[in-house]
């Protein structure tokens, strides 16, 4: 069995590097969702402008009323589940 002995400085450097990588991953995921959100909003605006559908809402998020609209269906935001509104 081989035991690798690291100094305190090396351990700190490794932990800092892992934290930095974790922050970068979180940033990439956040930026991806932002681009997706704004892309969907742009498509909604164009569908409304061109008048392709009766209810052109692909995605709408209203945090004040706790509602999400997906493809014309409205859902209430609950802590653990999404409930469909009739």
Protein backbone atom coordinates (compact mmCIF):
# COMPACT_ATOMS: atom_id res chain seq x y z
CA UNK A 1 0.00 0.00 0.00
CA UNK A 2 1.34 3.39 -1.02
CA UNK A 3 0.58 6.43 1.07
CA UNK A 4 0.94 9.79 -0.65
CA UNK A 5 2.07 12.49 1.72
CA UNK A 6 1.17 15.99 0.71
CA UNK A 7 2.10 19.17 2.40
CA UNK A 8 -0.54 21.57 3.63
CA UNK A 9 0.24 23.99 0.80
CA UNK A 10 -0.25 21.30 -1.85
CA UNK A 11 -3.58 20.30 -0.32
CA UNK A 12 -4.71 23.94 -0.29
CA UNK A 13 -3.71 24.37 -3.94
CA UNK A 14 -5.63 21.24 -4.90
CA UNK A 15 -8.74 22.38 -2.99
CA UNK A 16 -8.59 25.85 -4.58
CA UNK A 17 -8.28 24.30 -8.02
CA UNK A 18 -11.28 22.02 -7.38
CA UNK A 19 -13.35 24.97 -6.13
CA UNK A 20 -12.43 27.04 -9.16
CA UNK A 21 -13.42 24.19 -11.49
CA UNK A 22 -16.73 23.83 -9.63
CA UNK A 23 -17.45 27.55 -9.99
CA UNK A 24 -16.64 27.43 -13.69
CA UNK A 25 -19.00 24.48 -14.22
CA UNK A 26 -21.79 26.31 -12.40
CA UNK A 27 -21.14 29.43 -14.49
CA UNK A 28 -21.29 27.44 -17.74
CA UNK A 29 -24.60 25.84 -16.72
CA UNK A 30 -26.05 29.22 -15.72
CA UNK A 31 -24.97 30.86 -18.98
CA UNK A 32 -26.41 27.95 -20.96
CA UNK A 33 -29.80 28.36 -19.28
CA UNK A 34 -29.72 32.12 -19.84
CA UNK A 35 -29.05 31.69 -23.56
CA UNK A 36 -31.81 29.07 -23.75
CA UNK A 37 -34.27 31.36 -21.95
CA UNK A 38 -33.57 34.38 -24.14
CA UNK A 39 -33.68 32.23 -27.27
CA UNK A 40 -37.12 30.91 -26.36
CA UNK A 41 -38.32 34.44 -25.55
CA UNK A 42 -37.14 35.59 -29.00
CA UNK A 43 -39.00 32.72 -30.69
CA UNK A 44 -42.16 33.63 -28.73
CA UNK A 45 -41.93 37.24 -29.89
CA UNK A 46 -41.45 36.22 -33.52
CA UNK A 47 -44.37 33.77 -33.40
CA UNK A 48 -46.58 36.52 -31.99
CA UNK A 49 -45.37 38.99 -34.61
CA UNK A 50 -45.94 36.60 -37.51
CA UNK A 51 -49.21 35.25 -36.09
CA UNK A 52 -48.47 31.57 -36.68
CA UNK A 53 -50.48 30.15 -33.77
CA UNK A 54 -53.55 31.00 -31.69
CA UNK A 55 -51.56 30.72 -28.44
CA UNK A 56 -47.91 31.29 -29.36
CA UNK A 57 -46.53 31.00 -25.83
CA UNK A 58 -43.87 28.30 -25.81
CA UNK A 59 -42.42 29.31 -22.47
CA UNK A 60 -43.37 31.98 -19.98
CA UNK A 61 -42.16 32.27 -16.39
CA UNK A 62 -43.94 34.49 -13.87
CA UNK A 63 -42.39 34.25 -10.42
CA UNK A 64 -44.74 36.75 -8.79
CA UNK A 65 -47.81 34.68 -9.63
CA UNK A 66 -45.79 31.44 -9.40
CA UNK A 67 -46.79 30.26 -12.87
CA UNK A 68 -45.05 28.61 -15.79
CA UNK A 69 -46.62 28.41 -19.24
CA UNK A 70 -45.33 25.64 -21.50
CA UNK A 71 -46.76 25.24 -25.00
CA UNK A 72 -50.06 26.88 -24.00
CA UNK A 73 -50.57 24.92 -20.76
CA UNK A 74 -50.32 26.76 -17.44
CA UNK A 75 -48.66 25.18 -14.41
CA UNK A 76 -48.41 26.44 -10.84
CA UNK A 77 -44.98 26.41 -9.25
CA UNK A 78 -45.02 24.43 -6.03
CA UNK A 79 -42.02 23.73 -3.84
CA UNK A 80 -41.79 20.04 -4.76
CA UNK A 81 -44.01 19.50 -7.81
CA UNK A 82 -45.57 21.29 -10.75
CA UNK A 83 -49.38 21.19 -10.79
CA UNK A 84 -51.33 21.57 -14.03
CA UNK A 85 -54.03 24.28 -14.05
CA UNK A 86 -57.26 23.41 -15.89
